[in-house]
Amino acid sequence: MVRGSVARVVCAVPAALVLLFVSAPHPKAAARYSVHRLPNVVQLEDASRRTVVSIATSVGNMAFSMAVNGTNVLHWPFATVEEFAAKPAMSGVPFLGPWANRLDEQAFFANGKRYPFDMELGNVRGAIPIHGFLTTNSNWTFVEAKADDASAWTTARLDFYKQPAWMKQFPFAHSIEMTHRLRGGILEVETTIQNLAVEPMPVAIGFHPYFRLTDSTRDEWTVSVGARTHWRLSPAKIPTGETEPIERLFADPRAIALKDYDLDDVFSDLVRDSAGRAVMSVKGRAQKVDVLFGRNWRSAVVWAPKPTPAAPDRQFICFEPMAGITDAMNLSQKGLYKELQNIPPGGTWRESFWIQPAGF
């Protein structure tokens, strides 16, 4: 109807004026993609999809908002980045390194050698160390923030090898580059690791994205987990080495009623499409979030704890891209895990995952 109306108006204009109108220069159309740099924050915008992604460059280079039509797809219970930095808590899309999830002792194995942590440094804590020590660090260096006709992106670099307290705990010199790219309403998070050490470097990193839907409650959400294998866990949430088909946990892994589960589970043998991507999804009444894992994300942790009287606001689910299963480095040493990835000296590891919202 709009096109028809415009056509009728043009036909009614005298021929001379039509020629003048067609010949007149048009102002340049507003760019679809743009980048906005704010203090300690970079924003990527896709105007046609009404999507804005915000990254806290000073707090772990963490994406903390993916707003679609004004609704944040990510769980972020803070008023400002400063409030989060003062007291970090579960939210956004934190990077986990130099290992993700739990280790079964205060040490890790690499290349057949045991590396004990120096617990007095304070950057590694607990009998079961979890999620490394890079999540909210302020040492990321801005590289660029640009936009063109195809996307908007920003890149930052973390030179791990420059930090003596980090090298003491994980003595593999390396650098990390992270690029957030917004294209077609989809956020791609690409991670590149360059091994600067003289020995192979184990890769056990991950991300811990928190997603939320606003058109329904957790008890109404349906989840899909694109994996074939479920790892059995010890009471300490460490894989025992025993596995089972995912159907032993979920009757239909593509249609899981989340209200029936309190999840903190590890999956591998991911189901991949022709492009090598695996998909994890959560769906409400109309809203949906798909998370696509590239090939080098070999495992997924799904964390969706049930609300409790002490924590009634647990209206979120985490689909965590993992380079290896929980405790991958130590389980590999024990012969219980066969897919630990290593970067050769001077080599590079690279992979992406994608966040694709719909119905917001």
Protein backbone atom coordinates (compact mmCIF):
# COMPACT_ATOMS: atom_id res chain seq x y z
CA MET A 1 0.00 0.00 0.00
CA VAL A 2 2.80 2.45 0.75
CA ARG A 3 4.45 1.86 -2.63
CA GLY A 4 1.13 2.29 -4.43
CA SER A 5 0.42 5.57 -2.64
CA VAL A 6 3.83 6.99 -3.55
CA ALA A 7 3.34 6.03 -7.20
CA ARG A 8 -0.01 7.84 -7.41
CA VAL A 9 1.46 11.02 -5.91
CA VAL A 10 4.34 11.08 -8.40
CA CYS A 11 1.96 10.55 -11.34
CA ALA A 12 -0.08 13.58 -10.28
CA VAL A 13 2.92 15.95 -10.36
CA PRO A 14 3.52 17.93 -13.60
CA ALA A 15 6.22 16.44 -15.82
CA ALA A 16 8.61 19.38 -15.40
CA LEU A 17 8.49 19.11 -11.61
CA VAL A 18 8.96 15.36 -11.77
CA LEU A 19 12.14 15.88 -13.83
CA LEU A 20 13.36 18.49 -11.32
CA PHE A 21 12.65 16.16 -8.39
CA VAL A 22 14.46 13.21 -9.97
CA SER A 23 17.47 15.32 -10.96
CA ALA A 24 17.94 17.01 -7.57
CA PRO A 25 20.75 15.63 -5.37
CA HIS A 26 19.58 13.49 -2.43
CA PRO A 27 21.09 13.80 1.02
CA LYS A 28 23.24 10.81 1.89
CA ALA A 29 21.19 8.11 3.59
CA ALA A 30 22.01 7.48 7.23
CA ALA A 31 24.47 4.62 7.66
CA ARG A 32 22.99 1.34 8.80
CA TYR A 33 25.99 0.50 11.03
CA SER A 34 27.77 2.85 13.40
CA VAL A 35 30.14 2.86 16.38
CA HIS A 36 29.94 5.14 19.40
CA ARG A 37 32.82 5.54 21.86
CA LEU A 38 31.85 6.57 25.37
CA PRO A 39 34.03 6.69 28.50
CA ASN A 40 35.00 3.04 29.15
CA VAL A 41 32.27 1.77 26.79
CA VAL A 42 32.06 1.07 23.06
CA GLN A 43 28.64 0.74 21.43
CA LEU A 44 27.92 -1.01 18.13
CA GLU A 45 24.65 -0.11 16.41
CA ASP A 46 22.63 -1.75 13.64
CA ALA A 47 19.98 0.89 12.93
CA SER A 48 17.87 -1.23 10.61
CA ARG A 49 17.56 -3.99 13.21
CA ARG A 50 17.23 -1.46 16.06
CA THR A 51 20.02 -3.28 17.90
CA VAL A 52 22.74 -1.73 20.07
CA VAL A 53 25.54 -3.76 21.70
CA SER A 54 27.51 -2.21 24.58
CA ILE A 55 30.96 -3.43 25.65
CA ALA A 56 32.65 -2.39 28.91
CA THR A 57 36.22 -2.05 27.68
CA SER A 58 37.52 -1.25 31.18
CA VAL A 59 35.87 -4.24 32.89
CA GLY A 60 37.03 -7.43 31.20
CA ASN A 61 36.12 -6.12 27.72
CA MET A 62 32.70 -7.55 28.55
CA ALA A 63 29.56 -7.17 26.46
CA PHE A 64 26.91 -6.22 29.00
CA SER A 65 23.99 -5.16 26.84
CA MET A 66 22.49 -6.32 23.55
CA ALA A 67 19.42 -4.13 23.32
CA VAL A 68 16.89 -5.02 20.62
CA ASN A 69 14.08 -2.48 20.31
CA GLY A 70 15.21 -1.24 23.72
CA THR A 71 15.09 -4.65 25.46
CA ASN A 72 18.34 -6.13 26.73
CA VAL A 73 18.77 -9.76 25.67
CA LEU A 74 21.48 -10.17 28.34
CA HIS A 75 20.94 -10.45 32.09
CA TRP A 76 22.42 -7.25 33.57
CA PRO A 77 21.01 -6.18 36.98
CA PHE A 78 23.06 -2.97 37.29
CA ALA A 79 22.35 0.70 36.71
CA THR A 80 25.87 1.56 35.51
CA VAL A 81 29.17 -0.04 34.52
CA GLU A 82 30.72 1.63 37.57
CA GLU A 83 28.24 -0.12 39.87
CA PHE A 84 29.14 -3.45 38.30
CA ALA A 85 32.90 -2.77 38.50
CA ALA A 86 32.61 -1.95 42.20
CA LYS A 87 30.89 -5.26 43.00
CA PRO A 88 30.90 -7.67 40.05
CA ALA A 89 28.19 -10.31 39.95
CA MET A 90 26.63 -12.77 37.53
CA SER A 91 25.72 -10.97 34.30
CA GLY A 92 26.70 -9.99 30.76
CA VAL A 93 29.09 -12.05 28.63
CA PRO A 94 32.24 -12.55 30.76
CA PHE A 95 35.40 -14.11 29.32
CA LEU A 96 36.84 -17.00 31.35
CA GLY A 97 40.59 -17.54 31.25
CA PRO A 98 43.18 -18.87 31.35
CA TRP A 99 40.77 -21.68 32.18
CA ALA A 100 36.98 -21.88 32.30
CA ASN A 101 34.87 -23.58 34.93
CA ARG A 102 36.38 -25.75 37.66
CA LEU A 103 39.70 -27.47 38.31
CA ASP A 104 39.85 -30.49 40.62
CA GLU A 105 42.86 -29.15 42.54
CA GLN A 106 44.94 -26.01 43.06
CA ALA A 107 47.07 -26.90 40.04
CA PHE A 108 46.81 -27.77 36.36
CA PHE A 109 48.69 -30.07 34.01
CA ALA A 110 50.22 -29.15 30.67
CA ASN A 111 52.59 -31.17 28.50
CA GLY A 112 52.84 -33.81 31.20
CA LYS A 113 53.96 -31.36 33.89
CA ARG A 114 52.06 -30.24 36.98
CA TYR A 115 51.88 -26.49 37.61
CA PRO A 116 50.78 -25.67 41.21
CA PHE A 117 49.23 -22.30 41.89
CA ASP A 118 50.74 -19.79 44.30
CA MET A 119 47.69 -19.29 46.48
CA GLU A 120 49.31 -16.39 48.34
CA LEU A 121 49.06 -14.19 45.26
CA GLY A 122 45.30 -14.01 45.77
CA ASN A 123 44.26 -14.12 42.12
CA VAL A 124 43.41 -17.85 42.36
CA ARG A 125 41.06 -18.81 45.17
CA GLY A 126 39.38 -21.85 46.65
CA ALA A 127 40.06 -25.56 46.91
CA ILE A 128 38.27 -25.93 43.58
CA PRO A 129 39.54 -22.93 41.55
CA ILE A 130 36.94 -21.69 39.10
CA HIS A 131 36.87 -19.42 36.00
CA GLY A 132 40.50 -18.26 36.11
CA PHE A 133 41.26 -14.65 36.97
CA LEU A 134 40.66 -12.52 33.86
CA THR A 135 36.91 -11.92 34.00
CA THR A 136 36.81 -8.28 35.16
CA ASN A 137 40.41 -7.18 34.64
CA SER A 138 41.14 -3.67 33.35
CA ASN A 139 44.21 -4.51 31.25
CA TRP A 140 42.56 -4.83 27.84
CA THR A 141 44.07 -2.44 25.27
CA PHE A 142 41.80 -0.77 22.72
CA VAL A 143 42.77 -1.66 19.14
CA GLU A 144 39.99 -0.26 16.95
CA ALA A 145 36.30 0.48 16.61
CA LYS A 146 34.91 0.82 13.09
CA ALA A 147 31.85 0.43 10.91
CA ASP A 148 31.30 -0.09 7.21
CA ASP A 149 28.37 -1.05 4.98
CA ALA A 150 28.44 -4.65 6.23
CA SER A 151 28.95 -4.46 10.02
CA ALA A 152 30.16 -2.57 13.08
CA TRP A 153 32.96 -3.96 15.21
CA THR A 154 35.47 -3.27 17.95
CA THR A 155 38.68 -5.12 18.82
CA ALA A 156 40.70 -5.17 22.04
CA ARG A 157 43.89 -6.98 23.01
CA LEU A 158 45.06 -8.52 26.28
CA ASP A 159 48.81 -9.08 26.57
CA PHE A 160 48.80 -11.82 29.18
CA TYR A 161 52.57 -12.19 29.12
CA LYS A 162 53.09 -8.65 30.47
CA GLN A 163 51.54 -9.46 33.86
CA PRO A 164 53.99 -11.17 36.27
CA ALA A 165 51.22 -12.27 38.68
CA TRP A 166 49.38 -13.95 35.81
CA MET A 167 52.48 -15.61 34.39
CA LYS A 168 53.28 -16.96 37.86
CA GLN A 169 50.00 -18.90 37.82
CA PHE A 170 49.87 -19.82 34.12
CA PRO A 171 53.42 -19.60 32.71
CA PHE A 172 52.54 -19.65 29.02
CA ALA A 173 53.28 -16.34 27.34
CA HIS A 174 50.41 -15.41 25.05
CA SER A 175 48.23 -12.57 23.82
CA ILE A 176 44.47 -12.53 23.26
CA GLU A 177 42.46 -10.47 20.80
CA MET A 178 38.70 -10.23 21.08
CA THR A 179 36.47 -8.76 18.39
CA HIS A 180 32.79 -8.01 18.90
CA ARG A 181 31.04 -7.66 15.53
CA LEU A 182 27.39 -6.71 14.96
CA ARG A 183 26.02 -7.78 11.59
CA GLY A 184 22.43 -8.36 10.53
CA GLY A 185 21.22 -8.07 14.12
CA ILE A 186 23.57 -10.89 15.19
CA LEU A 187 26.51 -10.43 17.56
CA GLU A 188 29.67 -12.38 16.77
CA VAL A 189 32.34 -12.70 19.48
CA GLU A 190 35.64 -13.81 17.97
CA THR A 191 38.62 -14.79 20.14
CA THR A 192 42.17 -15.16 18.85
CA ILE A 193 45.03 -16.47 21.00
CA GLN A 194 48.66 -16.30 19.92
CA ASN A 195 51.06 -18.61 21.76
CA LEU A 196 54.33 -16.76 22.36
CA ALA A 197 55.79 -19.55 24.52
CA VAL A 198 58.35 -22.15 23.44
CA GLU A 199 56.06 -25.04 24.47
CA PRO A 200 52.54 -26.03 23.36
CA MET A 201 49.90 -24.07 25.27
CA PRO A 202 46.71 -25.81 26.44
CA VAL A 203 43.45 -24.06 25.56
CA ALA A 204 40.75 -24.35 28.23
CA ILE A 205 39.08 -20.94 27.95
CA GLY A 206 35.39 -20.16 27.67
CA PHE A 207 32.63 -17.58 27.95
CA HIS A 208 29.71 -17.40 30.37
CA PRO A 209 26.87 -15.48 28.66
CA TYR A 210 23.73 -14.77 30.69
CA PHE A 211 20.50 -14.58 28.67
CA ARG A 212 17.02 -13.53 29.68
CA LEU A 213 13.60 -13.34 28.06
CA THR A 214 11.06 -10.72 29.08
CA ASP A 215 7.87 -12.03 27.49
CA SER A 216 7.59 -14.92 29.96
CA THR A 217 9.05 -16.36 33.15
CA ARG A 218 11.71 -19.04 33.48
CA ASP A 219 9.03 -21.66 34.14
CA GLU A 220 7.59 -21.01 30.67
CA TRP A 221 10.86 -21.25 28.74
CA THR A 222 11.69 -24.07 26.33
CA VAL A 223 15.34 -24.96 25.81
CA SER A 224 17.18 -26.79 23.04
CA VAL A 225 20.67 -28.25 23.61
CA GLY A 226 22.55 -29.23 20.47
CA ALA A 227 24.74 -31.97 21.93
CA ARG A 228 24.86 -35.76 22.02
CA THR A 229 26.85 -36.48 25.19
CA HIS A 230 26.23 -35.60 28.83
CA TRP A 231 29.10 -35.84 31.35
CA ARG A 232 28.35 -37.19 34.80
CA LEU A 233 29.65 -34.96 37.57
CA SER A 234 31.00 -35.51 41.06
CA PRO A 235 29.43 -33.64 44.02
CA ALA A 236 32.11 -30.99 43.40
CA LYS A 237 30.75 -30.52 39.83
CA ILE A 238 33.85 -32.12 38.26
CA PRO A 239 33.37 -34.63 35.42
CA THR A 240 34.04 -38.16 36.61
CA GLY A 241 35.02 -39.39 33.16
CA GLU A 242 31.71 -41.23 32.75
CA THR A 243 29.38 -40.11 29.99
CA GLU A 244 25.88 -40.94 28.81
CA PRO A 245 23.67 -40.08 25.83
CA ILE A 246 21.98 -36.73 26.33
CA GLU A 247 18.59 -38.46 26.10
CA ARG A 248 19.26 -39.98 29.52
CA LEU A 249 18.91 -36.46 30.91
CA PHE A 250 16.41 -34.95 28.46
CA ALA A 251 13.76 -37.05 26.73
CA ASP A 252 13.85 -34.57 23.83
CA PRO A 253 16.96 -32.33 23.84
CA ARG A 254 15.26 -30.02 21.32
CA ALA A 255 12.24 -29.29 23.53
CA ILE A 256 13.23 -29.12 27.20
CA ALA A 257 10.75 -27.63 29.68
CA LEU A 258 13.15 -25.60 31.83
CA LYS A 259 10.78 -25.58 34.81
CA ASP A 260 11.56 -29.27 35.31
CA TYR A 261 15.33 -28.77 35.67
CA ASP A 262 17.95 -27.15 37.87
CA LEU A 263 20.86 -27.19 35.45
CA ASP A 264 24.62 -26.95 35.88
CA ASP A 265 25.62 -29.56 33.32
CA VAL A 266 28.45 -30.32 30.89
CA PHE A 267 27.88 -31.48 27.31
CA SER A 268 30.13 -32.48 24.42
CA ASP A 269 29.94 -34.15 21.00
CA LEU A 270 28.02 -31.11 19.79
CA VAL A 271 25.50 -31.45 16.95
CA ARG A 272 26.78 -29.31 14.08
CA ASP A 273 25.27 -27.99 10.86
CA SER A 274 26.94 -27.93 7.44
CA ALA A 275 28.95 -24.86 8.50
CA GLY A 276 30.23 -26.65 11.60
CA ARG A 277 28.14 -24.65 14.05
CA ALA A 278 26.22 -26.09 17.00
CA VAL A 279 23.10 -24.34 18.33
CA MET A 280 21.75 -23.86 21.86
CA SER A 281 18.41 -22.04 22.24
CA VAL A 282 15.94 -20.65 24.73
CA LYS A 283 12.40 -19.70 23.70
CA GLY A 284 9.57 -17.93 25.49
CA ARG A 285 6.13 -16.97 24.13
CA ALA A 286 7.55 -15.10 21.13
CA GLN A 287 11.11 -14.21 22.10
CA LYS A 288 14.00 -16.53 21.31
CA VAL A 289 17.79 -16.50 21.62
CA ASP A 290 20.00 -18.84 19.59
CA VAL A 291 23.66 -19.22 20.52
CA LEU A 292 25.81 -20.70 17.77
CA PHE A 293 29.14 -22.35 18.63
CA GLY A 294 32.04 -22.52 16.13
CA ARG A 295 34.02 -25.74 15.68
CA ASN A 296 36.73 -25.01 18.26
CA TRP A 297 34.14 -24.59 20.99
CA ARG A 298 34.14 -28.32 21.72
CA SER A 299 31.88 -28.33 24.78
CA ALA A 300 28.99 -26.46 26.38
CA VAL A 301 27.99 -25.86 29.96
CA VAL A 302 24.32 -25.04 30.49
CA TRP A 303 23.66 -23.26 33.76
CA ALA A 304 20.10 -22.38 34.71
CA PRO A 305 19.68 -22.59 38.49
CA LYS A 306 16.13 -22.58 39.81
CA PRO A 307 15.02 -19.53 41.77
CA THR A 308 15.04 -19.90 45.54
CA PRO A 309 13.70 -17.70 48.35
CA ALA A 310 17.26 -16.43 48.82
CA ALA A 311 17.74 -15.86 45.07
CA PRO A 312 14.29 -15.17 43.55
CA ASP A 313 15.67 -13.22 40.56
CA ARG A 314 17.22 -16.18 38.72
CA GLN A 315 15.37 -15.42 35.51
CA PHE A 316 18.29 -16.28 33.24
CA ILE A 317 20.01 -19.14 31.44
CA CYS A 318 23.66 -19.50 30.45
CA PHE A 319 24.86 -21.30 27.33
CA GLU A 320 28.62 -21.35 27.85
CA PRO A 321 30.98 -21.91 24.89
CA MET A 322 33.91 -23.97 26.18
CA ALA A 323 37.14 -24.95 24.40
CA GLY A 324 37.05 -28.14 26.47
CA ILE A 325 34.94 -29.72 29.19
CA THR A 326 35.23 -28.70 32.82
CA ASP A 327 38.69 -29.63 34.22
CA ALA A 328 39.86 -30.43 30.68
CA MET A 329 43.58 -29.98 31.36
CA ASN A 330 43.67 -32.26 34.38
CA LEU A 331 41.29 -34.86 32.98
CA SER A 332 43.43 -35.00 29.85
CA GLN A 333 46.47 -35.80 31.98
CA LYS A 334 44.49 -38.63 33.60
CA GLY A 335 43.48 -40.02 30.21
CA LEU A 336 39.78 -39.29 30.82
CA TYR A 337 39.43 -36.56 28.19
CA LYS A 338 40.72 -36.86 24.62
CA GLU A 339 39.87 -33.48 23.05
CA LEU A 340 42.14 -31.02 24.86
CA GLN A 341 43.31 -28.40 22.34
CA ASN A 342 46.88 -27.08 22.30
CA ILE A 343 48.47 -24.20 20.41
CA PRO A 344 51.95 -24.98 19.06
CA PRO A 345 54.79 -22.52 19.79
CA GLY A 346 54.23 -19.44 17.64
CA GLY A 347 50.79 -20.73 16.62
CA THR A 348 47.32 -19.22 16.77
CA TRP A 349 43.94 -20.45 18.00
CA ARG A 350 40.80 -18.71 16.76
CA GLU A 351 37.06 -19.22 17.15
CA SER A 352 33.73 -17.40 17.28
CA PHE A 353 30.31 -17.78 18.76
CA TRP A 354 27.20 -15.88 17.71
CA ILE A 355 24.19 -14.51 19.63
CA GLN A 356 21.04 -14.33 17.50
CA PRO A 357 17.90 -12.86 19.10
CA ALA A 358 14.41 -13.02 17.56
CA GLY A 359 10.98 -11.77 18.61
CA PHE A 360 12.20 -8.89 20.78
